[in-house]
N, C-alpha and C. Protein backbone atom coordinates (compact mmCIF):
# COMPACT_ATOMS: atom_id res chain seq x y z
N MET A 1 -30.35 33.19 -0.05
CA MET A 1 -30.06 32.11 0.87
C MET A 1 -30.45 30.76 0.25
N GLY A 2 -31.52 30.72 -0.52
CA GLY A 2 -31.96 29.50 -1.16
C GLY A 2 -30.91 28.93 -2.10
N GLN A 3 -30.20 29.80 -2.78
CA GLN A 3 -29.20 29.34 -3.74
C GLN A 3 -28.01 28.70 -3.03
N SER A 4 -27.56 29.25 -1.93
CA SER A 4 -26.41 28.67 -1.24
C SER A 4 -26.76 27.29 -0.68
N GLY A 5 -28.00 27.08 -0.26
CA GLY A 5 -28.44 25.77 0.19
C GLY A 5 -28.40 24.77 -0.94
N THR A 6 -28.80 25.21 -2.13
CA THR A 6 -28.78 24.34 -3.31
C THR A 6 -27.35 23.97 -3.66
N ASN A 7 -26.46 24.97 -3.61
CA ASN A 7 -25.05 24.70 -3.93
C ASN A 7 -24.42 23.73 -2.94
N SER A 8 -24.72 23.88 -1.66
CA SER A 8 -24.13 22.99 -0.68
C SER A 8 -24.71 21.57 -0.82
N PHE A 9 -25.98 21.45 -1.18
CA PHE A 9 -26.57 20.13 -1.39
C PHE A 9 -25.96 19.47 -2.63
N THR A 10 -25.74 20.25 -3.68
CA THR A 10 -25.11 19.73 -4.89
C THR A 10 -23.69 19.27 -4.57
N THR A 11 -22.97 20.06 -3.82
CA THR A 11 -21.62 19.69 -3.41
C THR A 11 -21.65 18.40 -2.58
N TYR A 12 -22.63 18.32 -1.69
CA TYR A 12 -22.77 17.11 -0.87
C TYR A 12 -22.99 15.89 -1.77
N LEU A 13 -23.89 15.99 -2.73
CA LEU A 13 -24.17 14.87 -3.64
C LEU A 13 -22.93 14.49 -4.46
N GLN A 14 -22.19 15.48 -4.90
CA GLN A 14 -20.98 15.20 -5.68
C GLN A 14 -19.95 14.47 -4.82
N GLU A 15 -19.79 14.87 -3.59
CA GLU A 15 -18.85 14.21 -2.69
C GLU A 15 -19.31 12.80 -2.36
N LEU A 16 -20.61 12.62 -2.21
CA LEU A 16 -21.15 11.30 -1.95
C LEU A 16 -20.88 10.37 -3.13
N GLN A 17 -21.10 10.86 -4.34
CA GLN A 17 -20.83 10.06 -5.54
C GLN A 17 -19.34 9.75 -5.66
N ARG A 18 -18.50 10.71 -5.37
CA ARG A 18 -17.06 10.50 -5.44
C ARG A 18 -16.62 9.44 -4.43
N GLY A 19 -17.20 9.49 -3.24
CA GLY A 19 -16.88 8.49 -2.22
C GLY A 19 -17.31 7.10 -2.64
N GLU A 20 -18.48 6.98 -3.27
CA GLU A 20 -18.95 5.68 -3.75
C GLU A 20 -18.05 5.13 -4.85
N LYS A 21 -17.59 6.00 -5.75
CA LYS A 21 -16.69 5.56 -6.82
C LYS A 21 -15.37 5.07 -6.24
N GLN A 22 -14.88 5.75 -5.22
CA GLN A 22 -13.62 5.34 -4.59
C GLN A 22 -13.78 3.99 -3.90
N LYS A 23 -14.94 3.76 -3.26
CA LYS A 23 -15.20 2.47 -2.61
C LYS A 23 -15.20 1.36 -3.64
N GLN A 24 -15.86 1.60 -4.78
CA GLN A 24 -15.95 0.59 -5.82
C GLN A 24 -14.59 0.33 -6.45
N ALA A 25 -13.76 1.35 -6.53
CA ALA A 25 -12.46 1.21 -7.16
C ALA A 25 -11.41 0.61 -6.22
N ALA A 26 -11.72 0.61 -4.91
CA ALA A 26 -10.75 0.09 -3.95
C ALA A 26 -10.54 -1.40 -4.18
N PRO A 27 -9.29 -1.81 -4.36
CA PRO A 27 -9.03 -3.23 -4.62
C PRO A 27 -9.24 -4.07 -3.37
N VAL A 28 -9.62 -5.30 -3.57
CA VAL A 28 -9.72 -6.25 -2.48
C VAL A 28 -8.30 -6.72 -2.18
N ALA A 29 -8.00 -6.92 -0.91
CA ALA A 29 -6.65 -7.34 -0.53
C ALA A 29 -6.26 -8.61 -1.27
N ALA A 30 -5.07 -8.60 -1.85
CA ALA A 30 -4.59 -9.77 -2.60
C ALA A 30 -4.30 -10.91 -1.64
N GLY A 31 -4.43 -12.11 -2.16
CA GLY A 31 -4.07 -13.28 -1.38
C GLY A 31 -5.12 -13.76 -0.41
N THR A 32 -6.38 -13.42 -0.63
CA THR A 32 -7.46 -13.89 0.23
C THR A 32 -8.53 -14.57 -0.61
N ALA A 33 -9.40 -15.31 0.07
CA ALA A 33 -10.52 -15.93 -0.63
C ALA A 33 -11.40 -14.86 -1.28
N PHE A 34 -11.53 -13.71 -0.62
CA PHE A 34 -12.34 -12.64 -1.21
C PHE A 34 -11.69 -12.05 -2.45
N SER A 35 -10.36 -12.06 -2.50
CA SER A 35 -9.71 -11.58 -3.72
C SER A 35 -9.99 -12.53 -4.88
N VAL A 36 -10.09 -13.83 -4.59
CA VAL A 36 -10.45 -14.80 -5.63
C VAL A 36 -11.88 -14.54 -6.09
N LEU A 37 -12.79 -14.28 -5.14
CA LEU A 37 -14.17 -13.93 -5.51
C LEU A 37 -14.21 -12.69 -6.39
N ALA A 38 -13.43 -11.69 -6.03
CA ALA A 38 -13.41 -10.45 -6.81
C ALA A 38 -12.92 -10.70 -8.23
N LEU A 39 -11.91 -11.54 -8.37
CA LEU A 39 -11.40 -11.86 -9.71
C LEU A 39 -12.47 -12.58 -10.53
N LEU A 40 -13.16 -13.52 -9.91
CA LEU A 40 -14.20 -14.26 -10.62
C LEU A 40 -15.40 -13.38 -10.95
N ALA A 41 -15.66 -12.40 -10.11
CA ALA A 41 -16.81 -11.51 -10.34
C ALA A 41 -16.64 -10.71 -11.63
N GLY A 42 -15.41 -10.51 -12.06
CA GLY A 42 -15.15 -9.77 -13.28
C GLY A 42 -15.21 -10.62 -14.54
N ASN A 43 -15.50 -11.92 -14.39
CA ASN A 43 -15.53 -12.84 -15.53
C ASN A 43 -16.89 -13.52 -15.64
N ALA A 44 -17.51 -13.42 -16.78
CA ALA A 44 -18.78 -14.10 -17.01
C ALA A 44 -18.56 -15.58 -17.31
N GLU A 45 -17.41 -15.90 -17.85
CA GLU A 45 -17.08 -17.28 -18.22
C GLU A 45 -16.25 -17.92 -17.10
N PRO A 46 -16.26 -19.26 -17.02
CA PRO A 46 -15.38 -19.93 -16.05
C PRO A 46 -13.92 -19.54 -16.30
N MET A 47 -13.17 -19.40 -15.24
CA MET A 47 -11.77 -18.99 -15.33
C MET A 47 -10.88 -20.18 -14.98
N PRO A 48 -9.94 -20.53 -15.87
CA PRO A 48 -9.03 -21.64 -15.56
C PRO A 48 -8.31 -21.39 -14.23
N LEU A 49 -8.19 -22.45 -13.43
CA LEU A 49 -7.56 -22.30 -12.11
C LEU A 49 -6.13 -21.79 -12.22
N ARG A 50 -5.38 -22.21 -13.23
CA ARG A 50 -3.99 -21.73 -13.35
C ARG A 50 -3.96 -20.22 -13.58
N ASP A 51 -4.91 -19.70 -14.36
CA ASP A 51 -4.98 -18.25 -14.60
C ASP A 51 -5.46 -17.52 -13.34
N LEU A 52 -6.42 -18.13 -12.66
CA LEU A 52 -6.96 -17.53 -11.44
C LEU A 52 -5.88 -17.47 -10.36
N GLN A 53 -5.10 -18.51 -10.22
CA GLN A 53 -4.02 -18.50 -9.23
C GLN A 53 -2.99 -17.42 -9.57
N ALA A 54 -2.62 -17.34 -10.83
CA ALA A 54 -1.64 -16.33 -11.24
C ALA A 54 -2.16 -14.92 -10.97
N ALA A 55 -3.43 -14.69 -11.26
CA ALA A 55 -4.01 -13.37 -11.05
C ALA A 55 -4.16 -13.05 -9.56
N SER A 56 -4.35 -14.08 -8.74
CA SER A 56 -4.54 -13.86 -7.30
C SER A 56 -3.24 -13.52 -6.59
N GLY A 57 -2.11 -13.95 -7.16
CA GLY A 57 -0.82 -13.71 -6.52
C GLY A 57 -0.57 -14.62 -5.32
N MET A 58 -1.39 -15.66 -5.18
CA MET A 58 -1.27 -16.57 -4.04
C MET A 58 -0.36 -17.75 -4.39
N ASP A 59 0.31 -18.30 -3.37
CA ASP A 59 1.08 -19.52 -3.60
C ASP A 59 0.09 -20.69 -3.70
N PHE A 60 0.59 -21.84 -4.17
CA PHE A 60 -0.28 -22.98 -4.45
C PHE A 60 -1.09 -23.41 -3.23
N THR A 61 -0.46 -23.53 -2.07
CA THR A 61 -1.14 -24.03 -0.88
C THR A 61 -2.26 -23.10 -0.43
N ASN A 62 -1.96 -21.81 -0.35
CA ASN A 62 -2.99 -20.85 0.07
C ASN A 62 -4.11 -20.77 -0.95
N PHE A 63 -3.75 -20.83 -2.22
CA PHE A 63 -4.76 -20.79 -3.27
C PHE A 63 -5.67 -22.02 -3.19
N ALA A 64 -5.08 -23.19 -3.02
CA ALA A 64 -5.86 -24.42 -2.90
C ALA A 64 -6.80 -24.37 -1.70
N ASP A 65 -6.31 -23.85 -0.58
CA ASP A 65 -7.16 -23.69 0.61
C ASP A 65 -8.32 -22.74 0.34
N ALA A 66 -8.04 -21.63 -0.34
CA ALA A 66 -9.08 -20.65 -0.65
C ALA A 66 -10.14 -21.26 -1.58
N ILE A 67 -9.69 -21.99 -2.60
CA ILE A 67 -10.62 -22.62 -3.54
C ILE A 67 -11.49 -23.64 -2.80
N LYS A 68 -10.87 -24.44 -1.94
CA LYS A 68 -11.62 -25.44 -1.18
C LYS A 68 -12.67 -24.76 -0.30
N ARG A 69 -12.28 -23.70 0.39
CA ARG A 69 -13.21 -22.98 1.25
C ARG A 69 -14.38 -22.39 0.46
N LEU A 70 -14.05 -21.76 -0.66
CA LEU A 70 -15.09 -21.14 -1.49
C LEU A 70 -16.04 -22.19 -2.05
N GLN A 71 -15.51 -23.34 -2.38
CA GLN A 71 -16.34 -24.43 -2.90
C GLN A 71 -17.23 -24.99 -1.79
N GLU A 72 -16.68 -25.17 -0.60
CA GLU A 72 -17.47 -25.67 0.53
C GLU A 72 -18.60 -24.72 0.90
N LEU A 73 -18.33 -23.42 0.76
CA LEU A 73 -19.36 -22.41 1.05
C LEU A 73 -20.36 -22.24 -0.09
N ARG A 74 -20.09 -22.94 -1.18
CA ARG A 74 -20.94 -22.90 -2.38
C ARG A 74 -20.95 -21.53 -3.06
N TYR A 75 -19.80 -20.85 -2.97
CA TYR A 75 -19.62 -19.58 -3.67
C TYR A 75 -19.13 -19.81 -5.09
N ILE A 76 -18.46 -20.95 -5.31
CA ILE A 76 -17.94 -21.26 -6.64
C ILE A 76 -18.24 -22.71 -6.99
N THR A 77 -18.18 -22.99 -8.28
CA THR A 77 -18.22 -24.37 -8.77
C THR A 77 -16.99 -24.58 -9.63
N LEU A 78 -16.54 -25.83 -9.67
CA LEU A 78 -15.40 -26.20 -10.51
C LEU A 78 -15.90 -27.11 -11.61
N SER A 79 -15.33 -26.96 -12.79
CA SER A 79 -15.67 -27.82 -13.92
C SER A 79 -14.40 -28.14 -14.68
N GLY A 80 -14.46 -29.20 -15.48
CA GLY A 80 -13.31 -29.59 -16.29
C GLY A 80 -12.48 -30.68 -15.62
N GLY A 81 -11.53 -31.17 -16.38
CA GLY A 81 -10.65 -32.23 -15.92
C GLY A 81 -9.58 -31.72 -14.99
N PRO A 82 -8.81 -32.65 -14.37
CA PRO A 82 -7.77 -32.26 -13.42
C PRO A 82 -6.76 -31.24 -13.96
N SER A 83 -6.39 -31.32 -15.20
CA SER A 83 -5.40 -30.37 -15.72
C SER A 83 -6.03 -29.14 -16.37
N SER A 84 -7.35 -29.14 -16.46
CA SER A 84 -8.01 -27.99 -17.10
C SER A 84 -9.21 -27.49 -16.29
N GLU A 85 -9.13 -27.63 -14.97
CA GLU A 85 -10.24 -27.17 -14.12
C GLU A 85 -10.41 -25.67 -14.23
N ALA A 86 -11.67 -25.26 -14.14
CA ALA A 86 -12.01 -23.84 -14.18
C ALA A 86 -13.02 -23.56 -13.08
N ALA A 87 -12.98 -22.35 -12.54
CA ALA A 87 -13.88 -21.94 -11.48
C ALA A 87 -14.85 -20.89 -12.00
N GLN A 88 -16.06 -20.94 -11.48
CA GLN A 88 -17.06 -19.95 -11.82
C GLN A 88 -17.89 -19.66 -10.57
N LEU A 89 -18.29 -18.41 -10.43
CA LEU A 89 -19.14 -18.05 -9.30
C LEU A 89 -20.50 -18.69 -9.43
N THR A 90 -21.06 -19.11 -8.31
CA THR A 90 -22.45 -19.50 -8.27
C THR A 90 -23.27 -18.22 -8.14
N GLU A 91 -24.56 -18.33 -8.24
CA GLU A 91 -25.41 -17.14 -8.06
C GLU A 91 -25.20 -16.57 -6.66
N PHE A 92 -25.12 -17.46 -5.67
CA PHE A 92 -24.88 -17.04 -4.29
C PHE A 92 -23.50 -16.37 -4.16
N GLY A 93 -22.50 -16.94 -4.80
CA GLY A 93 -21.16 -16.36 -4.77
C GLY A 93 -21.12 -14.98 -5.40
N ALA A 94 -21.89 -14.80 -6.47
CA ALA A 94 -21.95 -13.48 -7.11
C ALA A 94 -22.57 -12.45 -6.17
N GLU A 95 -23.59 -12.87 -5.42
CA GLU A 95 -24.21 -11.96 -4.44
C GLU A 95 -23.21 -11.59 -3.35
N ILE A 96 -22.45 -12.56 -2.88
CA ILE A 96 -21.44 -12.31 -1.83
C ILE A 96 -20.36 -11.37 -2.36
N ALA A 97 -19.92 -11.61 -3.60
CA ALA A 97 -18.90 -10.74 -4.20
C ALA A 97 -19.40 -9.32 -4.31
N ALA A 98 -20.67 -9.15 -4.68
CA ALA A 98 -21.25 -7.80 -4.78
C ALA A 98 -21.31 -7.14 -3.42
N LEU A 99 -21.67 -7.90 -2.40
CA LEU A 99 -21.70 -7.35 -1.03
C LEU A 99 -20.30 -6.97 -0.57
N ALA A 100 -19.32 -7.79 -0.90
CA ALA A 100 -17.94 -7.49 -0.49
C ALA A 100 -17.44 -6.21 -1.13
N ARG A 101 -17.86 -5.94 -2.38
CA ARG A 101 -17.44 -4.71 -3.05
C ARG A 101 -18.04 -3.48 -2.41
N THR A 102 -19.26 -3.59 -1.87
CA THR A 102 -19.92 -2.42 -1.30
C THR A 102 -19.59 -2.22 0.16
N ALA A 103 -18.95 -3.21 0.78
CA ALA A 103 -18.64 -3.11 2.22
C ALA A 103 -17.45 -2.21 2.45
């Protein structure tokens, strides 16, 4: 009887790990401010806004609104000139992105 309990606990742990991997692999919905956070979370370096917009799949207006919101919330900072602006997560933004991935 002791062995079957061990096997079922091992199976439980394996299923728990599999569920966690699936949660981590689940993509964030495209076209949202959180999708922009997720994209930035994968980059240690600032990401040019033109590349970030292309990767987000958002149109210009929605993307601009998302960037403005994220900046107001202090999740991101912008650097560079008008034609070469780049976004980077703040420390607080990185924490929020990590929480969003685990939710």
